[in-house]
Amino acid sequence: MIVCEYYKKYKGPELVSATLDDIDVTKEMKEIYGENLNWKGCLWKYKEAFGENCINKKFRFDFVSEDKREHWFHGFIKDKEQYFNPPLATPLNQMISFSSVIS
């Protein structure tokens, strides 16, 4: 994993469900997502998030924001050494300017 300033300043919606090849991994992914809902301020490699045997598996994450909007993303793991770079769903009232992210 590598620390990422962008993720450190992020607070996302609540993670409600996560699957890896249709197997529930919500508990494990909530640990990585962290209590601050920001991936613990880091980018994780697929093997760090999903384990060594994650190659050629599909994943899906489902979230619900405070305003009850549903957010989700999915993907397929081809290389366990690649960084898992989940999209960030940020409510408009939490939007930060790009200049504050790079400073």
PDB file of N, CA and C in Angstrom:
ATOM      1  N   MET A   1       0.847  -1.184   0.000  1.00  0.00           N
ATOM      2  CA  MET A   1       0.000   0.000   0.000  1.00  0.00           C
ATOM      3  C   MET A   1       0.882   1.233   0.000  1.00  0.00           C
ATOM      4  N   ILE A   2       0.332   2.305  -0.523  1.00  0.00           N
ATOM      5  CA  ILE A   2       1.032   3.584  -0.479  1.00  0.00           C
ATOM      6  C   ILE A   2       0.064   4.648   0.045  1.00  0.00           C
ATOM      7  N   VAL A   3       0.582   5.547   0.838  1.00  0.00           N
ATOM      8  CA  VAL A   3      -0.227   6.641   1.370  1.00  0.00           C
ATOM      9  C   VAL A   3      -0.565   7.589   0.223  1.00  0.00           C
ATOM     10  N   CYS A   4      -1.793   8.040   0.198  1.00  0.00           N
ATOM     11  CA  CYS A   4      -2.283   8.916  -0.872  1.00  0.00           C
ATOM     12  C   CYS A   4      -2.992  10.113  -0.241  1.00  0.00           C
ATOM     13  N   GLU A   5      -2.449  11.298  -0.443  1.00  0.00           N
ATOM     14  CA  GLU A   5      -3.028  12.511   0.140  1.00  0.00           C
ATOM     15  C   GLU A   5      -4.482  12.710  -0.274  1.00  0.00           C
ATOM     16  N   TYR A   6      -4.804  12.355  -1.507  1.00  0.00           N
ATOM     17  CA  TYR A   6      -6.171  12.531  -1.984  1.00  0.00           C
ATOM     18  C   TYR A   6      -7.137  11.688  -1.159  1.00  0.00           C
ATOM     19  N   TYR A   7      -6.785  10.435  -0.899  1.00  0.00           N
ATOM     20  CA  TYR A   7      -7.646   9.567  -0.104  1.00  0.00           C
ATOM     21  C   TYR A   7      -7.678  10.013   1.353  1.00  0.00           C
ATOM     22  N   LYS A   8      -6.581  10.539   1.873  1.00  0.00           N
ATOM     23  CA  LYS A   8      -6.545  10.983   3.262  1.00  0.00           C
ATOM     24  C   LYS A   8      -7.550  12.105   3.511  1.00  0.00           C
ATOM     25  N   LYS A   9      -7.821  12.935   2.501  1.00  0.00           N
ATOM     26  CA  LYS A   9      -8.747  14.064   2.638  1.00  0.00           C
ATOM     27  C   LYS A   9     -10.183  13.690   2.257  1.00  0.00           C
ATOM     28  N   TYR A  10     -10.423  12.447   1.968  1.00  0.00           N
ATOM     29  CA  TYR A  10     -11.707  11.967   1.461  1.00  0.00           C
ATOM     30  C   TYR A  10     -12.530  11.349   2.584  1.00  0.00           C
ATOM     31  N   LYS A  11     -13.833  11.509   2.514  1.00  0.00           N
ATOM     32  CA  LYS A  11     -14.751  10.756   3.364  1.00  0.00           C
ATOM     33  C   LYS A  11     -15.899  10.311   2.481  1.00  0.00           C
ATOM     34  N   GLY A  12     -16.015   9.019   2.311  1.00  0.00           N
ATOM     35  CA  GLY A  12     -16.998   8.476   1.386  1.00  0.00           C
ATOM     36  C   GLY A  12     -18.269   8.010   2.046  1.00  0.00           C
ATOM     37  N   PRO A  13     -19.145   7.430   1.250  1.00  0.00           N
ATOM     38  CA  PRO A  13     -20.393   6.871   1.777  1.00  0.00           C
ATOM     39  C   PRO A  13     -20.138   5.555   2.513  1.00  0.00           C
ATOM     40  N   GLU A  14     -21.128   5.097   3.221  1.00  0.00           N
ATOM     41  CA  GLU A  14     -21.020   3.853   3.980  1.00  0.00           C
ATOM     42  C   GLU A  14     -20.934   2.651   3.030  1.00  0.00           C
ATOM     43  N   LEU A  15     -19.988   1.780   3.278  1.00  0.00           N
ATOM     44  CA  LEU A  15     -19.875   0.526   2.529  1.00  0.00           C
ATOM     45  C   LEU A  15     -20.908  -0.442   3.080  1.00  0.00           C
ATOM     46  N   VAL A  16     -21.798  -0.937   2.219  1.00  0.00           N
ATOM     47  CA  VAL A  16     -22.841  -1.846   2.683  1.00  0.00           C
ATOM     48  C   VAL A  16     -22.657  -3.267   2.181  1.00  0.00           C
ATOM     49  N   SER A  17     -21.883  -3.433   1.097  1.00  0.00           N
ATOM     50  CA  SER A  17     -21.702  -4.773   0.553  1.00  0.00           C
ATOM     51  C   SER A  17     -20.449  -4.816  -0.320  1.00  0.00           C
ATOM     52  N   ALA A  18     -19.713  -5.922  -0.220  1.00  0.00           N
ATOM     53  CA  ALA A  18     -18.562  -6.148  -1.094  1.00  0.00           C
ATOM     54  C   ALA A  18     -18.488  -7.638  -1.393  1.00  0.00           C
ATOM     55  N   THR A  19     -18.267  -7.963  -2.659  1.00  0.00           N
ATOM     56  CA  THR A  19     -18.148  -9.371  -3.048  1.00  0.00           C
ATOM     57  C   THR A  19     -16.911  -9.576  -3.916  1.00  0.00           C
ATOM     58  N   LEU A  20     -16.370 -10.769  -3.823  1.00  0.00           N
ATOM     59  CA  LEU A  20     -15.271 -11.229  -4.676  1.00  0.00           C
ATOM     60  C   LEU A  20     -15.718 -12.551  -5.256  1.00  0.00           C
ATOM     61  N   ASP A  21     -15.927 -12.588  -6.571  1.00  0.00           N
ATOM     62  CA  ASP A  21     -16.515 -13.762  -7.231  1.00  0.00           C
ATOM     63  C   ASP A  21     -17.784 -14.234  -6.515  1.00  0.00           C
ATOM     64  N   ASP A  22     -18.662 -13.277  -6.220  1.00  0.00           N
ATOM     65  CA  ASP A  22     -19.961 -13.513  -5.582  1.00  0.00           C
ATOM     66  C   ASP A  22     -19.860 -14.061  -4.159  1.00  0.00           C
ATOM     67  N   ILE A  23     -18.687 -14.001  -3.547  1.00  0.00           N
ATOM     68  CA  ILE A  23     -18.508 -14.382  -2.140  1.00  0.00           C
ATOM     69  C   ILE A  23     -18.467 -13.099  -1.323  1.00  0.00           C
ATOM     70  N   ASP A  24     -19.226 -13.065  -0.249  1.00  0.00           N
ATOM     71  CA  ASP A  24     -19.303 -11.865   0.588  1.00  0.00           C
ATOM     72  C   ASP A  24     -17.975 -11.617   1.301  1.00  0.00           C
ATOM     73  N   VAL A  25     -17.368 -10.465   1.023  1.00  0.00           N
ATOM     74  CA  VAL A  25     -16.118 -10.053   1.682  1.00  0.00           C
ATOM     75  C   VAL A  25     -16.300  -8.677   2.344  1.00  0.00           C
ATOM     76  N   THR A  26     -17.546  -8.362   2.680  1.00  0.00           N
ATOM     77  CA  THR A  26     -17.854  -7.047   3.239  1.00  0.00           C
ATOM     78  C   THR A  26     -17.066  -6.775   4.513  1.00  0.00           C
ATOM     79  N   LYS A  27     -17.013  -7.715   5.405  1.00  0.00           N
ATOM     80  CA  LYS A  27     -16.317  -7.514   6.680  1.00  0.00           C
ATOM     81  C   LYS A  27     -14.843  -7.172   6.445  1.00  0.00           C
ATOM     82  N   GLU A  28     -14.188  -7.905   5.578  1.00  0.00           N
ATOM     83  CA  GLU A  28     -12.774  -7.672   5.280  1.00  0.00           C
ATOM     84  C   GLU A  28     -12.567  -6.322   4.597  1.00  0.00           C
ATOM     85  N   MET A  29     -13.452  -5.961   3.683  1.00  0.00           N
ATOM     86  CA  MET A  29     -13.305  -4.700   2.967  1.00  0.00           C
ATOM     87  C   MET A  29     -13.629  -3.501   3.850  1.00  0.00           C
ATOM     88  N   LYS A  30     -14.535  -3.655   4.814  1.00  0.00           N
ATOM     89  CA  LYS A  30     -14.794  -2.570   5.762  1.00  0.00           C
ATOM     90  C   LYS A  30     -13.544  -2.283   6.585  1.00  0.00           C
ATOM     91  N   GLU A  31     -12.766  -3.305   6.877  1.00  0.00           N
ATOM     92  CA  GLU A  31     -11.512  -3.107   7.600  1.00  0.00           C
ATOM     93  C   GLU A  31     -10.548  -2.246   6.778  1.00  0.00           C
ATOM     94  N   ILE A  32     -10.461  -2.496   5.483  1.00  0.00           N
ATOM     95  CA  ILE A  32      -9.580  -1.730   4.601  1.00  0.00           C
ATOM     96  C   ILE A  32     -10.161  -0.335   4.327  1.00  0.00           C
ATOM     97  N   TYR A  33     -11.471  -0.239   4.175  1.00  0.00           N
ATOM     98  CA  TYR A  33     -12.124   1.048   3.936  1.00  0.00           C
ATOM     99  C   TYR A  33     -11.932   1.973   5.136  1.00  0.00           C
ATOM    100  N   GLY A  34     -11.896   1.381   6.323  1.00  0.00           N
ATOM    101  CA  GLY A  34     -11.576   2.123   7.536  1.00  0.00           C
ATOM    102  C   GLY A  34     -12.747   2.851   8.156  1.00  0.00           C
ATOM    103  N   GLU A  35     -12.572   3.227   9.414  1.00  0.00           N
ATOM    104  CA  GLU A  35     -13.645   3.914  10.145  1.00  0.00           C
ATOM    105  C   GLU A  35     -13.876   5.333   9.628  1.00  0.00           C
ATOM    106  N   ASN A  36     -12.890   5.911   8.936  1.00  0.00           N
ATOM    107  CA  ASN A  36     -13.052   7.247   8.347  1.00  0.00           C
ATOM    108  C   ASN A  36     -13.585   7.194   6.921  1.00  0.00           C
ATOM    109  N   LEU A  37     -13.897   6.008   6.438  1.00  0.00           N
ATOM    110  CA  LEU A  37     -14.484   5.800   5.106  1.00  0.00           C
ATOM    111  C   LEU A  37     -13.619   6.397   4.004  1.00  0.00           C
ATOM    112  N   ASN A  38     -12.309   6.132   4.082  1.00  0.00           N
ATOM    113  CA  ASN A  38     -11.375   6.743   3.128  1.00  0.00           C
ATOM    114  C   ASN A  38     -10.243   5.800   2.711  1.00  0.00           C
ATOM    115  N   TRP A  39     -10.481   4.493   2.783  1.00  0.00           N
ATOM    116  CA  TRP A  39      -9.466   3.503   2.418  1.00  0.00           C
ATOM    117  C   TRP A  39      -8.205   3.678   3.271  1.00  0.00           C
ATOM    118  N   LYS A  40      -8.407   4.172   4.489  1.00  0.00           N
ATOM    119  CA  LYS A  40      -7.317   4.434   5.434  1.00  0.00           C
ATOM    120  C   LYS A  40      -6.252   5.350   4.829  1.00  0.00           C
ATOM    121  N   GLY A  41      -6.693   6.203   3.899  1.00  0.00           N
ATOM    122  CA  GLY A  41      -5.785   7.176   3.283  1.00  0.00           C
ATOM    123  C   GLY A  41      -4.746   6.561   2.367  1.00  0.00           C
ATOM    124  N   CYS A  42      -5.019   5.363   1.858  1.00  0.00           N
ATOM    125  CA  CYS A  42      -4.014   4.634   1.066  1.00  0.00           C
ATOM    126  C   CYS A  42      -4.587   4.058  -0.217  1.00  0.00           C
ATOM    127  N   LEU A  43      -3.685   3.773  -1.132  1.00  0.00           N
ATOM    128  CA  LEU A  43      -3.976   2.930  -2.288  1.00  0.00           C
ATOM    129  C   LEU A  43      -3.445   1.539  -1.958  1.00  0.00           C
ATOM    130  N   TRP A  44      -4.225   0.530  -2.232  1.00  0.00           N
ATOM    131  CA  TRP A  44      -3.877  -0.849  -1.900  1.00  0.00           C
ATOM    132  C   TRP A  44      -3.668  -1.656  -3.170  1.00  0.00           C
ATOM    133  N   LYS A  45      -2.723  -2.563  -3.158  1.00  0.00           N
ATOM    134  CA  LYS A  45      -2.601  -3.515  -4.256  1.00  0.00           C
ATOM    135  C   LYS A  45      -3.735  -4.520  -4.122  1.00  0.00           C
ATOM    136  N   TYR A  46      -4.130  -5.098  -5.251  1.00  0.00           N
ATOM    137  CA  TYR A  46      -5.207  -6.092  -5.216  1.00  0.00           C
ATOM    138  C   TYR A  46      -4.893  -7.208  -4.227  1.00  0.00           C
ATOM    139  N   LYS A  47      -3.655  -7.689  -4.205  1.00  0.00           N
ATOM    140  CA  LYS A  47      -3.314  -8.788  -3.296  1.00  0.00           C
ATOM    141  C   LYS A  47      -3.431  -8.364  -1.836  1.00  0.00           C
ATOM    142  N   GLU A  48      -3.179  -7.085  -1.544  1.00  0.00           N
ATOM    143  CA  GLU A  48      -3.318  -6.589  -0.177  1.00  0.00           C
ATOM    144  C   GLU A  48      -4.782  -6.512   0.236  1.00  0.00           C
ATOM    145  N   ALA A  49      -5.631  -6.151  -0.695  1.00  0.00           N
ATOM    146  CA  ALA A  49      -7.059  -6.013  -0.403  1.00  0.00           C
ATOM    147  C   ALA A  49      -7.781  -7.362  -0.424  1.00  0.00           C
ATOM    148  N   PHE A  50      -7.478  -8.181  -1.430  1.00  0.00           N
ATOM    149  CA  PHE A  50      -8.256  -9.396  -1.661  1.00  0.00           C
ATOM    150  C   PHE A  50      -7.517 -10.702  -1.400  1.00  0.00           C
ATOM    151  N   GLY A  51      -6.221 -10.643  -1.131  1.00  0.00           N
ATOM    152  CA  GLY A  51      -5.454 -11.857  -0.886  1.00  0.00           C
ATOM    153  C   GLY A  51      -4.691 -12.325  -2.117  1.00  0.00           C
ATOM    154  N   GLU A  52      -3.775 -13.220  -1.887  1.00  0.00           N
ATOM    155  CA  GLU A  52      -2.882 -13.722  -2.942  1.00  0.00           C
ATOM    156  C   GLU A  52      -3.617 -14.445  -4.073  1.00  0.00           C
ATOM    157  N   ASN A  53      -4.758 -15.049  -3.786  1.00  0.00           N
ATOM    158  CA  ASN A  53      -5.480 -15.845  -4.789  1.00  0.00           C
ATOM    159  C   ASN A  53      -6.609 -15.055  -5.457  1.00  0.00           C
ATOM    160  N   CYS A  54      -6.355 -13.802  -5.766  1.00  0.00           N
ATOM    161  CA  CYS A  54      -7.410 -12.942  -6.314  1.00  0.00           C
ATOM    162  C   CYS A  54      -7.384 -12.823  -7.833  1.00  0.00           C
ATOM    163  N   ILE A  55      -6.377 -13.372  -8.483  1.00  0.00           N
ATOM    164  CA  ILE A  55      -6.252 -13.226  -9.936  1.00  0.00           C
ATOM    165  C   ILE A  55      -7.445 -13.875 -10.643  1.00  0.00           C
ATOM    166  N   ASN A  56      -7.919 -13.191 -11.695  1.00  0.00           N
ATOM    167  CA  ASN A  56      -9.039 -13.649 -12.523  1.00  0.00           C
ATOM    168  C   ASN A  56     -10.353 -13.738 -11.754  1.00  0.00           C
ATOM    169  N   LYS A  57     -10.512 -12.846 -10.789  1.00  0.00           N
ATOM    170  CA  LYS A  57     -11.764 -12.789 -10.037  1.00  0.00           C
ATOM    171  C   LYS A  57     -12.395 -11.416 -10.229  1.00  0.00           C
ATOM    172  N   LYS A  58     -13.711 -11.386 -10.128  1.00  0.00           N
ATOM    173  CA  LYS A  58     -14.451 -10.129 -10.248  1.00  0.00           C
ATOM    174  C   LYS A  58     -14.838  -9.644  -8.852  1.00  0.00           C
ATOM    175  N   PHE A  59     -14.970  -8.325  -8.735  1.00  0.00           N
ATOM    176  CA  PHE A  59     -15.377  -7.751  -7.455  1.00  0.00           C
ATOM    177  C   PHE A  59     -16.468  -6.720  -7.682  1.00  0.00           C
ATOM    178  N   ARG A  60     -17.193  -6.458  -6.612  1.00  0.00           N
ATOM    179  CA  ARG A  60     -18.240  -5.427  -6.637  1.00  0.00           C
ATOM    180  C   ARG A  60     -18.348  -4.825  -5.244  1.00  0.00           C
ATOM    181  N   PHE A  61     -18.502  -3.495  -5.196  1.00  0.00           N
ATOM    182  CA  PHE A  61     -18.699  -2.769  -3.952  1.00  0.00           C
ATOM    183  C   PHE A  61     -19.978  -1.945  -4.067  1.00  0.00           C
ATOM    184  N   ASP A  62     -20.778  -1.939  -3.001  1.00  0.00           N
ATOM    185  CA  ASP A  62     -22.000  -1.148  -2.945  1.00  0.00           C
ATOM    186  C   ASP A  62     -21.950  -0.248  -1.711  1.00  0.00           C
ATOM    187  N   PHE A  63     -22.359   1.002  -1.900  1.00  0.00           N
ATOM    188  CA  PHE A  63     -22.330   2.004  -0.849  1.00  0.00           C
ATOM    189  C   PHE A  63     -23.683   2.716  -0.802  1.00  0.00           C
ATOM    190  N   VAL A  64     -23.986   3.315   0.353  1.00  0.00           N
ATOM    191  CA  VAL A  64     -25.148   4.191   0.483  1.00  0.00           C
ATOM    192  C   VAL A  64     -24.688   5.440   1.219  1.00  0.00           C
ATOM    193  N   SER A  65     -24.939   6.598   0.606  1.00  0.00           N
ATOM    194  CA  SER A  65     -24.534   7.866   1.218  1.00  0.00           C
ATOM    195  C   SER A  65     -25.610   8.338   2.202  1.00  0.00           C
ATOM    196  N   GLU A  66     -25.278   9.361   2.968  1.00  0.00           N
ATOM    197  CA  GLU A  66     -26.197   9.891   3.974  1.00  0.00           C
ATOM    198  C   GLU A  66     -27.516  10.340   3.375  1.00  0.00           C
ATOM    199  N   ASP A  67     -27.487  10.788   2.122  1.00  0.00           N
ATOM    200  CA  ASP A  67     -28.722  11.210   1.460  1.00  0.00           C
ATOM    201  C   ASP A  67     -29.458  10.036   0.804  1.00  0.00           C
ATOM    202  N   LYS A  68     -29.033   8.820   1.145  1.00  0.00           N
ATOM    203  CA  LYS A  68     -29.657   7.554   0.693  1.00  0.00           C
ATOM    204  C   LYS A  68     -29.390   7.228  -0.774  1.00  0.00           C
ATOM    205  N   ARG A  69     -28.482   7.948  -1.398  1.00  0.00           N
ATOM    206  CA  ARG A  69     -28.115   7.604  -2.778  1.00  0.00           C
ATOM    207  C   ARG A  69     -27.244   6.358  -2.767  1.00  0.00           C
ATOM    208  N   GLU A  70     -27.447   5.519  -3.769  1.00  0.00           N
ATOM    209  CA  GLU A  70     -26.657   4.300  -3.898  1.00  0.00           C
ATOM    210  C   GLU A  70     -25.496   4.539  -4.851  1.00  0.00           C
ATOM    211  N   HIS A  71     -24.332   4.034  -4.479  1.00  0.00           N
ATOM    212  CA  HIS A  71     -23.122   4.141  -5.290  1.00  0.00           C
ATOM    213  C   HIS A  71     -22.543   2.734  -5.391  1.00  0.00           C
ATOM    214  N   TRP A  72     -21.943   2.422  -6.523  1.00  0.00           N
ATOM    215  CA  TRP A  72     -21.324   1.106  -6.673  1.00  0.00           C
ATOM    216  C   TRP A  72     -20.231   1.172  -7.723  1.00  0.00           C
ATOM    217  N   PHE A  73     -19.344   0.200  -7.667  1.00  0.00           N
ATOM    218  CA  PHE A  73     -18.366  -0.007  -8.723  1.00  0.00           C
ATOM    219  C   PHE A  73     -17.999  -1.475  -8.738  1.00  0.00           C
ATOM    220  N   HIS A  74     -17.466  -1.900  -9.867  1.00  0.00           N
ATOM    221  CA  HIS A  74     -17.072  -3.302 -10.004  1.00  0.00           C
ATOM    222  C   HIS A  74     -15.846  -3.382 -10.898  1.00  0.00           C
ATOM    223  N   GLY A  75     -15.231  -4.533 -10.922  1.00  0.00           N
ATOM    224  CA  GLY A  75     -14.059  -4.715 -11.758  1.00  0.00           C
ATOM    225  C   GLY A  75     -13.615  -6.163 -11.813  1.00  0.00           C
ATOM    226  N   PHE A  76     -12.508  -6.378 -12.487  1.00  0.00           N
ATOM    227  CA  PHE A  76     -11.946  -7.709 -12.684  1.00  0.00           C
ATOM    228  C   PHE A  76     -10.443  -7.619 -12.433  1.00  0.00           C
ATOM    229  N   ILE A  77      -9.905  -8.553 -11.695  1.00  0.00           N
ATOM    230  CA  ILE A  77      -8.496  -8.516 -11.316  1.00  0.00           C
ATOM    231  C   ILE A  77      -7.681  -9.378 -12.265  1.00  0.00           C
ATOM    232  N   LYS A  78      -6.768  -8.749 -12.993  1.00  0.00           N
ATOM    233  CA  LYS A  78      -5.875  -9.470 -13.906  1.00  0.00           C
ATOM    234  C   LYS A  78      -4.473  -9.603 -13.331  1.00  0.00           C
ATOM    235  N   ASP A  79      -4.084  -8.646 -12.486  1.00  0.00           N
ATOM    236  CA  ASP A  79      -2.724  -8.610 -11.950  1.00  0.00           C
ATOM    237  C   ASP A  79      -2.797  -8.253 -10.473  1.00  0.00           C
ATOM    238  N   LYS A  80      -2.431  -9.178  -9.610  1.00  0.00           N
ATOM    239  CA  LYS A  80      -2.549  -8.936  -8.168  1.00  0.00           C
ATOM    240  C   LYS A  80      -1.583  -7.868  -7.671  1.00  0.00           C
ATOM    241  N   GLU A  81      -0.565  -7.527  -8.459  1.00  0.00           N
ATOM    242  CA  GLU A  81       0.402  -6.500  -8.084  1.00  0.00           C
ATOM    243  C   GLU A  81      -0.055  -5.093  -8.468  1.00  0.00           C
ATOM    244  N   GLN A  82      -1.123  -5.006  -9.256  1.00  0.00           N
ATOM    245  CA  GLN A  82      -1.649  -3.709  -9.678  1.00  0.00           C
ATOM    246  C   GLN A  82      -2.354  -3.037  -8.499  1.00  0.00           C
ATOM    247  N   TYR A  83      -2.315  -1.701  -8.469  1.00  0.00           N
ATOM    248  CA  TYR A  83      -3.007  -0.980  -7.407  1.00  0.00           C
ATOM    249  C   TYR A  83      -4.497  -0.924  -7.669  1.00  0.00           C
ATOM    250  N   PHE A  84      -5.251  -1.208  -6.640  1.00  0.00           N
ATOM    251  CA  PHE A  84      -6.699  -1.128  -6.606  1.00  0.00           C
ATOM    252  C   PHE A  84      -7.030   0.344  -6.373  1.00  0.00           C
ATOM    253  N   ASN A  85      -7.608   0.994  -7.368  1.00  0.00           N
ATOM    254  CA  ASN A  85      -7.839   2.435  -7.319  1.00  0.00           C
ATOM    255  C   ASN A  85      -9.334   2.709  -7.408  1.00  0.00           C
ATOM    256  N   PRO A  86     -10.048   2.516  -6.294  1.00  0.00           N
ATOM    257  CA  PRO A  86     -11.503   2.663  -6.349  1.00  0.00           C
ATOM    258  C   PRO A  86     -11.927   4.106  -6.600  1.00  0.00           C
ATOM    259  N   PRO A  87     -13.015   4.281  -7.341  1.00  0.00           N
ATOM    260  CA  PRO A  87     -13.524   5.632  -7.563  1.00  0.00           C
ATOM    261  C   PRO A  87     -14.033   6.212  -6.251  1.00  0.00           C
ATOM    262  N   LEU A  88     -13.993   7.515  -6.138  1.00  0.00           N
ATOM    263  CA  LEU A  88     -14.431   8.182  -4.929  1.00  0.00           C
ATOM    264  C   LEU A  88     -15.775   8.848  -5.174  1.00  0.00           C
ATOM    265  N   ALA A  89     -16.758   8.487  -4.380  1.00  0.00           N
ATOM    266  CA  ALA A  89     -18.087   9.082  -4.469  1.00  0.00           C
ATOM    267  C   ALA A  89     -18.183  10.127  -3.370  1.00  0.00           C
ATOM    268  N   THR A  90     -18.094  11.381  -3.737  1.00  0.00           N
ATOM    269  CA  THR A  90     -18.085  12.452  -2.747  1.00  0.00           C
ATOM    270  C   THR A  90     -19.342  13.307  -2.878  1.00  0.00           C
ATOM    271  N   PRO A  91     -20.102  13.445  -1.795  1.00  0.00           N
ATOM    272  CA  PRO A  91     -21.259  14.336  -1.839  1.00  0.00           C
ATOM    273  C   PRO A  91     -20.827  15.758  -2.172  1.00  0.00           C
ATOM    274  N   LEU A  92     -21.704  16.496  -2.828  1.00  0.00           N
ATOM    275  CA  LEU A  92     -21.372  17.856  -3.241  1.00  0.00           C
ATOM    276  C   LEU A  92     -20.962  18.736  -2.069  1.00  0.00           C
ATOM    277  N   ASN A  93     -21.536  18.509  -0.885  1.00  0.00           N
ATOM    278  CA  ASN A  93     -21.192  19.358   0.253  1.00  0.00           C
ATOM    279  C   ASN A  93     -19.813  19.026   0.817  1.00  0.00           C
ATOM    280  N   GLN A  94     -19.169  17.984   0.305  1.00  0.00           N
ATOM    281  CA  GLN A  94     -17.819  17.636   0.734  1.00  0.00           C
ATOM    282  C   GLN A  94     -16.795  17.873  -0.363  1.00  0.00           C
ATOM    283  N   MET A  95     -17.214  18.399  -1.482  1.00  0.00           N
ATOM    284  CA  MET A  95     -16.300  18.609  -2.606  1.00  0.00           C
ATOM    285  C   MET A  95     -15.169  19.535  -2.184  1.00  0.00           C
ATOM    286  N   ILE A  96     -13.977  19.182  -2.621  1.00  0.00           N
ATOM    287  CA  ILE A  96     -12.810  20.012  -2.352  1.00  0.00           C
ATOM    288  C   ILE A  96     -12.219  20.443  -3.701  1.00  0.00           C
ATOM    289  N   SER A  97     -11.589  21.563  -3.699  1.00  0.00           N
ATOM    290  CA  SER A  97     -11.015  22.027  -4.957  1.00  0.00           C
ATOM    291  C   SER A  97      -9.785  21.213  -5.304  1.00  0.00           C
ATOM    292  N   PHE A  98      -9.510  21.088  -6.584  1.00  0.00           N
ATOM    293  CA  PHE A  98      -8.356  20.346  -7.040  1.00  0.00           C
ATOM    294  C   PHE A  98      -7.070  20.924  -6.486  1.00  0.00           C
ATOM    295  N   SER A  99      -6.993  22.233  -6.370  1.00  0.00           N
ATOM    296  CA  SER A  99      -5.770  22.871  -5.881  1.00  0.00           C
ATOM    297  C   SER A  99      -5.485  22.494  -4.438  1.00  0.00           C
ATOM    298  N   SER A 100      -6.508  22.232  -3.630  1.00  0.00           N
ATOM    299  CA  SER A 100      -6.262  21.848  -2.246  1.00  0.00           C
ATOM    300  C   SER A 100      -5.759  20.414  -2.150  1.00  0.00           C
ATOM    301  N   VAL A 101      -6.034  19.598  -3.161  1.00  0.00           N
ATOM    302  CA  VAL A 101      -5.592  18.215  -3.170  1.00  0.00           C
ATOM    303  C   VAL A 101      -4.107  18.134  -3.468  1.00  0.00           C
ATOM    304  N   ILE A 102      -3.610  18.971  -4.371  1.00  0.00           N
ATOM    305  CA  ILE A 102      -2.215  18.864  -4.782  1.00  0.00           C
ATOM    306  C   ILE A 102      -1.281  19.724  -3.942  1.00  0.00           C
ATOM    307  N   SER A 103      -1.820  20.513  -3.042  1.00  0.00           N
ATOM    308  CA  SER A 103      -0.951  21.358  -2.221  1.00  0.00           C
ATOM    309  C   SER A 103      -0.578  20.695  -0.919  1.00  0.00           C
TER     310      SER A 103
END
